[in-house]
C-alpha atoms as a PDB file:
ATOM      1  CA  MET A   1      10.630 -16.957 -28.120  1.00  0.00           C
ATOM      2  CA  LYS A   2      13.101 -16.766 -25.247  1.00  0.00           C
ATOM      3  CA  ARG A   3      11.769 -13.345 -24.248  1.00  0.00           C
ATOM      4  CA  ARG A   4       8.234 -14.695 -24.023  1.00  0.00           C
ATOM      5  CA  LEU A   5       9.410 -17.626 -21.918  1.00  0.00           C
ATOM      6  CA  VAL A   6      11.348 -15.326 -19.568  1.00  0.00           C
ATOM      7  CA  ALA A   7       8.371 -12.967 -19.329  1.00  0.00           C
ATOM      8  CA  LEU A   8       6.043 -15.898 -18.593  1.00  0.00           C
ATOM      9  CA  VAL A   9       8.371 -17.246 -15.869  1.00  0.00           C
ATOM     10  CA  CYS A  10       8.668 -13.756 -14.308  1.00  0.00           C
ATOM     11  CA  LEU A  11       4.903 -13.347 -14.389  1.00  0.00           C
ATOM     12  CA  ALA A  12       4.419 -16.755 -12.745  1.00  0.00           C
ATOM     13  CA  LEU A  13       6.936 -15.904  -9.990  1.00  0.00           C
ATOM     14  CA  LEU A  14       5.286 -12.553  -9.406  1.00  0.00           C
ATOM     15  CA  ALA A  15       1.851 -14.161  -9.131  1.00  0.00           C
ATOM     16  CA  ALA A  16       3.179 -16.795  -6.739  1.00  0.00           C
ATOM     17  CA  GLY A  17       4.753 -14.106  -4.562  1.00  0.00           C
ATOM     18  CA  CYS A  18       1.514 -12.111  -4.428  1.00  0.00           C
ATOM     19  CA  SER A  19      -0.602 -15.094  -3.467  1.00  0.00           C
ATOM     20  CA  HIS A  20       1.068 -15.421  -0.072  1.00  0.00           C
ATOM     21  CA  LYS A  21      -1.643 -15.271   2.559  1.00  0.00           C
ATOM     22  CA  ALA A  22      -1.038 -13.176   5.644  1.00  0.00           C
ATOM     23  CA  ARG A  23      -0.745 -15.229   8.785  1.00  0.00           C
ATOM     24  CA  GLN A  24      -3.897 -14.898  10.819  1.00  0.00           C
ATOM     25  CA  ALA A  25      -3.541 -13.967  14.465  1.00  0.00           C
ATOM     26  CA  GLN A  26      -4.652 -16.823  16.651  1.00  0.00           C
ATOM     27  CA  ALA A  27      -7.475 -16.030  19.035  1.00  0.00           C
ATOM     28  CA  LEU A  28      -6.411 -16.167  22.658  1.00  0.00           C
ATOM     29  CA  LYS A  29      -8.329 -18.516  24.891  1.00  0.00           C
ATOM     30  CA  ALA A  30      -8.303 -16.797  28.252  1.00  0.00           C
ATOM     31  CA  THR A  31      -8.756 -19.077  31.251  1.00  0.00           C
ATOM     32  CA  ALA A  32      -9.268 -16.198  33.703  1.00  0.00           C
ATOM     33  CA  ASN A  33     -10.320 -12.559  33.869  1.00  0.00           C
ATOM     34  CA  GLY A  34      -8.949  -9.715  35.934  1.00  0.00           C
ATOM     35  CA  ALA A  35     -10.441  -6.582  37.433  1.00  0.00           C
ATOM     36  CA  ALA A  36      -7.457  -4.282  36.815  1.00  0.00           C
ATOM     37  CA  ILE A  37      -4.391  -3.974  34.621  1.00  0.00           C
ATOM     38  CA  VAL A  38      -1.286  -2.153  35.876  1.00  0.00           C
ATOM     39  CA  GLU A  39       2.081  -1.241  34.417  1.00  0.00           C
ATOM     40  CA  SER A  40       4.942  -3.216  35.943  1.00  0.00           C
ATOM     41  CA  SER A  41       7.787  -1.687  33.935  1.00  0.00           C
ATOM     42  CA  GLY A  42       8.764  -0.181  30.610  1.00  0.00           C
ATOM     43  CA  GLY A  43       6.713   3.004  30.680  1.00  0.00           C
ATOM     44  CA  LYS A  44       8.038   6.527  30.179  1.00  0.00           C
ATOM     45  CA  GLN A  45      10.950   5.428  28.019  1.00  0.00           C
ATOM     46  CA  ILE A  46      12.674   7.684  25.530  1.00  0.00           C
ATOM     47  CA  GLY A  47      13.428   5.902  22.282  1.00  0.00           C
ATOM     48  CA  TYR A  48      14.319   6.747  18.723  1.00  0.00           C
ATOM     49  CA  ILE A  49      11.991   6.893  15.733  1.00  0.00           C
ATOM     50  CA  GLY A  50      11.593   3.576  13.940  1.00  0.00           C
ATOM     51  CA  MET A  51      13.543   1.693  16.608  1.00  0.00           C
ATOM     52  CA  PRO A  52      12.563  -0.720  19.382  1.00  0.00           C
ATOM     53  CA  LEU A  53      12.507   0.644  22.916  1.00  0.00           C
ATOM     54  CA  ASP A  54      15.472  -0.357  25.083  1.00  0.00           C
ATOM     55  CA  GLN A  55      13.306  -2.165  27.639  1.00  0.00           C
ATOM     56  CA  PRO A  56      10.174  -4.253  27.062  1.00  0.00           C
ATOM     57  CA  VAL A  57       6.813  -3.071  28.360  1.00  0.00           C
ATOM     58  CA  VAL A  58       5.479  -5.310  31.134  1.00  0.00           C
ATOM     59  CA  VAL A  59       1.891  -5.174  32.435  1.00  0.00           C
ATOM     60  CA  GLN A  60       0.166  -7.204  35.127  1.00  0.00           C
ATOM     61  CA  VAL A  61      -3.457  -8.248  35.421  1.00  0.00           C
ATOM     62  CA  ASN A  62      -4.880  -8.337  38.950  1.00  0.00           C
ATOM     63  CA  ASP A  63      -8.170  -9.507  40.422  1.00  0.00           C
ATOM     64  CA  ALA A  64     -10.401  -7.349  42.639  1.00  0.00           C
ATOM     65  CA  SER A  65      -8.272  -8.099  45.711  1.00  0.00           C
ATOM     66  CA  GLY A  66      -5.024  -7.103  43.940  1.00  0.00           C
ATOM     67  CA  SER A  67      -3.690 -10.624  43.403  1.00  0.00           C
ATOM     68  CA  ALA A  68      -2.074 -11.549  40.088  1.00  0.00           C
ATOM     69  CA  VAL A  69      -4.277 -13.429  37.590  1.00  0.00           C
ATOM     70  CA  THR A  70      -2.821 -16.256  35.494  1.00  0.00           C
ATOM     71  CA  GLY A  71      -4.237 -16.904  32.015  1.00  0.00           C
ATOM     72  CA  ALA A  72      -5.891 -13.538  31.292  1.00  0.00           C
ATOM     73  CA  ALA A  73      -5.717 -12.252  27.711  1.00  0.00           C
ATOM     74  CA  VAL A  74      -3.894  -8.934  27.233  1.00  0.00           C
ATOM     75  CA  TYR A  75      -4.019  -6.931  23.993  1.00  0.00           C
ATOM     76  CA  PHE A  76      -1.620  -4.109  23.080  1.00  0.00           C
ATOM     77  CA  SER A  77      -2.441  -1.272  20.693  1.00  0.00           C
ATOM     78  CA  GLY A  78      -1.069   2.101  19.709  1.00  0.00           C
ATOM     79  CA  PRO A  79      -0.899   4.671  16.927  1.00  0.00           C
ATOM     80  CA  GLY A  80      -0.235   3.598  13.348  1.00  0.00           C
ATOM     81  CA  GLY A  81       3.286   2.351  12.736  1.00  0.00           C
ATOM     82  CA  VAL A  82       3.900   1.179  16.304  1.00  0.00           C
ATOM     83  CA  THR A  83       4.551  -2.561  16.500  1.00  0.00           C
ATOM     84  CA  PHE A  84       4.202  -4.891  19.462  1.00  0.00           C
ATOM     85  CA  THR A  85       5.874  -8.300  19.701  1.00  0.00           C
ATOM     86  CA  PRO A  86       3.632  -9.993  20.718  1.00  0.00           C
ATOM     87  CA  ALA A  87       0.557  -7.812  20.199  1.00  0.00           C
ATOM     88  CA  ALA A  88      -1.541 -10.151  22.376  1.00  0.00           C
ATOM     89  CA  ALA A  89      -0.675 -12.802  24.953  1.00  0.00           C
ATOM     90  CA  LEU A  90      -1.907 -14.629  28.024  1.00  0.00           C
ATOM     91  CA  THR A  91      -0.581 -13.644  31.430  1.00  0.00           C
ATOM     92  CA  ASP A  92       2.038 -15.949  32.926  1.00  0.00           C
ATOM     93  CA  SER A  93       2.090 -17.466  36.426  1.00  0.00           C
ATOM     94  CA  SER A  94       2.984 -14.054  37.891  1.00  0.00           C
ATOM     95  CA  GLY A  95       0.045 -12.402  36.096  1.00  0.00           C
ATOM     96  CA  GLN A  96       2.353 -10.538  33.737  1.00  0.00           C
ATOM     97  CA  VAL A  97       2.714 -10.099  29.973  1.00  0.00           C
ATOM     98  CA  THR A  98       5.865  -8.749  28.332  1.00  0.00           C
ATOM     99  CA  THR A  99       5.932  -7.139  24.880  1.00  0.00           C
ATOM    100  CA  ASN A 100       8.668  -5.462  22.876  1.00  0.00           C
ATOM    101  CA  VAL A 101       7.636  -2.150  21.327  1.00  0.00           C
ATOM    102  CA  ALA A 102       9.040  -0.488  18.203  1.00  0.00           C
ATOM    103  CA  LEU A 103       8.006   3.127  17.690  1.00  0.00           C
ATOM    104  CA  SER A 104       6.933   4.511  14.327  1.00  0.00           C
ATOM    105  CA  GLN A 105       8.745   7.032  12.114  1.00  0.00           C
ATOM    106  CA  GLN A 106       7.247  10.133  13.786  1.00  0.00           C
ATOM    107  CA  SER A 107       8.938  11.893  16.686  1.00  0.00           C
ATOM    108  CA  GLY A 108       6.796  12.841  19.664  1.00  0.00           C
ATOM    109  CA  ARG A 109       4.766  11.326  22.482  1.00  0.00           C
ATOM    110  CA  TYR A 110       3.052   7.988  22.045  1.00  0.00           C
ATOM    111  CA  LYS A 111       0.118   6.692  24.049  1.00  0.00           C
ATOM    112  CA  LEU A 112       0.077   2.901  24.033  1.00  0.00           C
ATOM    113  CA  THR A 113      -2.794   0.864  25.409  1.00  0.00           C
ATOM    114  CA  ALA A 114      -2.795  -2.504  27.146  1.00  0.00           C
ATOM    115  CA  SER A 115      -6.247  -3.977  27.694  1.00  0.00           C
ATOM    116  CA  THR A 116      -7.986  -7.033  29.094  1.00  0.00           C
ATOM    117  CA  HIS A 117     -11.588  -7.988  29.931  1.00  0.00           C
ATOM    118  CA  ASP A 118     -13.133  -8.420  33.366  1.00  0.00           C
ATOM    119  CA  ALA A 119     -15.559 -11.215  34.279  1.00  0.00           C
ATOM    120  CA  SER A 120     -18.539  -9.258  32.893  1.00  0.00           C
ATOM    121  CA  GLY A 121     -16.759  -8.734  29.555  1.00  0.00           C
ATOM    122  CA  LYS A 122     -16.084  -5.045  30.189  1.00  0.00           C
ATOM    123  CA  ASN A 123     -12.869  -3.701  28.674  1.00  0.00           C
ATOM    124  CA  VAL A 124     -10.245  -2.753  31.291  1.00  0.00           C
ATOM    125  CA  GLN A 125      -7.238  -0.820  30.024  1.00  0.00           C
ATOM    126  CA  ILE A 126      -4.176   1.183  30.934  1.00  0.00           C
ATOM    127  CA  THR A 127      -2.387   3.862  28.914  1.00  0.00           C
ATOM    128  CA  ILE A 128       1.399   3.781  28.790  1.00  0.00           C
ATOM    129  CA  GLU A 129       3.317   6.796  27.494  1.00  0.00           C
ATOM    130  CA  GLU A 130       6.555   6.628  25.529  1.00  0.00           C
ATOM    131  CA  VAL A 131       8.569   9.273  23.647  1.00  0.00           C
ATOM    132  CA  ALA A 132      10.264   8.938  20.262  1.00  0.00           C
ATOM    133  CA  LEU A 133      13.099  11.315  19.486  1.00  0.00           C
ATOM    134  CA  GLY A 134      13.735  12.445  15.925  1.00  0.00           C
ATOM    135  CA  TYR A 135      17.169  13.147  14.483  1.00  0.00           C
ATOM    136  CA  GLN A 136      17.547  16.629  15.992  1.00  0.00           C
ATOM    137  CA  GLN A 137      16.339  15.538  19.426  1.00  0.00           C
ATOM    138  CA  THR A 138      18.627  12.494  19.285  1.00  0.00           C
ATOM    139  CA  LEU A 139      21.618  14.649  18.399  1.00  0.00           C
ATOM    140  CA  GLY A 140      20.741  17.079  21.183  1.00  0.00           C
ATOM    141  CA  ALA A 141      20.434  14.242  23.710  1.00  0.00           C
ATOM    142  CA  GLN A 142      23.817  12.853  22.661  1.00  0.00           C
ATOM    143  CA  LEU A 143      25.492  16.255  22.955  1.00  0.00           C
ATOM    144  CA  ASN A 144      23.839  16.844  26.317  1.00  0.00           C
ATOM    145  CA  ALA A 145      25.048  13.500  27.635  1.00  0.00           C
ATOM    146  CA  GLN A 146      28.560  14.082  26.342  1.00  0.00           C
ATOM    147  CA  TYR A 147      29.151  17.707  27.306  1.00  0.00           C
ATOM    148  CA  CYS A 148      26.592  19.095  29.749  1.00  0.00           C
ATOM    149  CA  ILE A 149      27.526  16.706  32.507  1.00  0.00           C
ATOM    150  CA  ARG A 150      30.868  18.485  32.666  1.00  0.00           C
ATOM    151  CA  CYS A 151      29.162  21.718  33.670  1.00  0.00           C
ATOM    152  CA  HIS A 152      26.769  20.235  36.197  1.00  0.00           C
ATOM    153  CA  ASP A 153      28.894  17.572  37.856  1.00  0.00           C
ATOM    154  CA  PRO A 154      31.173  19.023  40.568  1.00  0.00           C
ATOM    155  CA  GLU A 155      33.463  15.983  40.292  1.00  0.00           C
ATOM    156  CA  SER A 156      34.219  16.633  36.628  1.00  0.00           C
ATOM    157  CA  ARG A 157      34.986  20.357  36.949  1.00  0.00           C
ATOM    158  CA  ARG A 158      38.523  21.511  37.489  1.00  0.00           C
ATOM    159  CA  SER A 159      38.926  24.213  40.021  1.00  0.00           C
ATOM    160  CA  ALA A 160      40.288  27.399  38.595  1.00  0.00           C
ATOM    161  CA  SER A 161      41.098  30.693  40.113  1.00  0.00           C
ATOM    162  CA  LEU A 162      41.866  33.846  38.284  1.00  0.00           C
ATOM    163  CA  THR A 163      43.684  36.872  39.560  1.00  0.00           C
ATOM    164  CA  TRP A 164      43.206  40.145  37.830  1.00  0.00           C
ATOM    165  CA  THR A 165      45.825  42.795  37.505  1.00  0.00           C
ATOM    166  CA  THR A 166      45.333  46.200  36.068  1.00  0.00           C
ATOM    167  CA  SER A 167      47.152  47.496  33.074  1.00  0.00           C
ATOM    168  CA  PRO A 168      46.903  50.846  31.434  1.00  0.00           C
ATOM    169  CA  SER A 169      44.580  49.569  28.686  1.00  0.00           C
ATOM    170  CA  SER A 170      42.351  46.950  30.375  1.00  0.00           C
ATOM    171  CA  LEU A 171      41.996  44.222  32.917  1.00  0.00           C
ATOM    172  CA  ILE A 172      43.954  41.142  31.905  1.00  0.00           C
ATOM    173  CA  PRO A 173      44.377  37.861  33.729  1.00  0.00           C
ATOM    174  CA  SER A 174      47.800  37.153  35.108  1.00  0.00           C
ATOM    175  CA  PRO A 175      49.367  33.991  33.549  1.00  0.00           C
ATOM    176  CA  LYS A 176      50.149  32.379  36.938  1.00  0.00           C
ATOM    177  CA  ALA A 177      46.565  32.664  38.128  1.00  0.00           C
ATOM    178  CA  ILE A 178      45.102  30.116  35.669  1.00  0.00           C
ATOM    179  CA  ARG A 179      45.529  26.500  36.664  1.00  0.00           C
END
């Protein structure tokens, strides 16, 4: 009897958990339209798979004369697994929208799209490129940052001179010559 009661309670909890409705995205009510969308910052970043980029992506909507447009709807999209927070927003008083981007679990180049609509309803978009490093690329970047700077930075290299003396068997460096 107790087993049936426990099974019934578990089944009821499972059903309640599955009946959760996904939150619907609210439609944006744009108060203005732009003629162009440009990247302000956040493009060409190198991030790590499955992680958010270090800097947010910022785009700006401009009118035909190049002035910022307040209240234009901007929508972000990208390959599967890429998330945008927020995925859509209205431009602020400076005509800009900021979104945080988390890359998916695949290493490689990502082409992200930010789009808006002009006054005629035509889609206007910009492509923003980002790069996600996998484990091997991440390890290589860390090693490069830690060790390669020593070879390429004149300030970090010690000067060394080496004097060679001859011996009957080979050339060997003299001990006083290495500093």
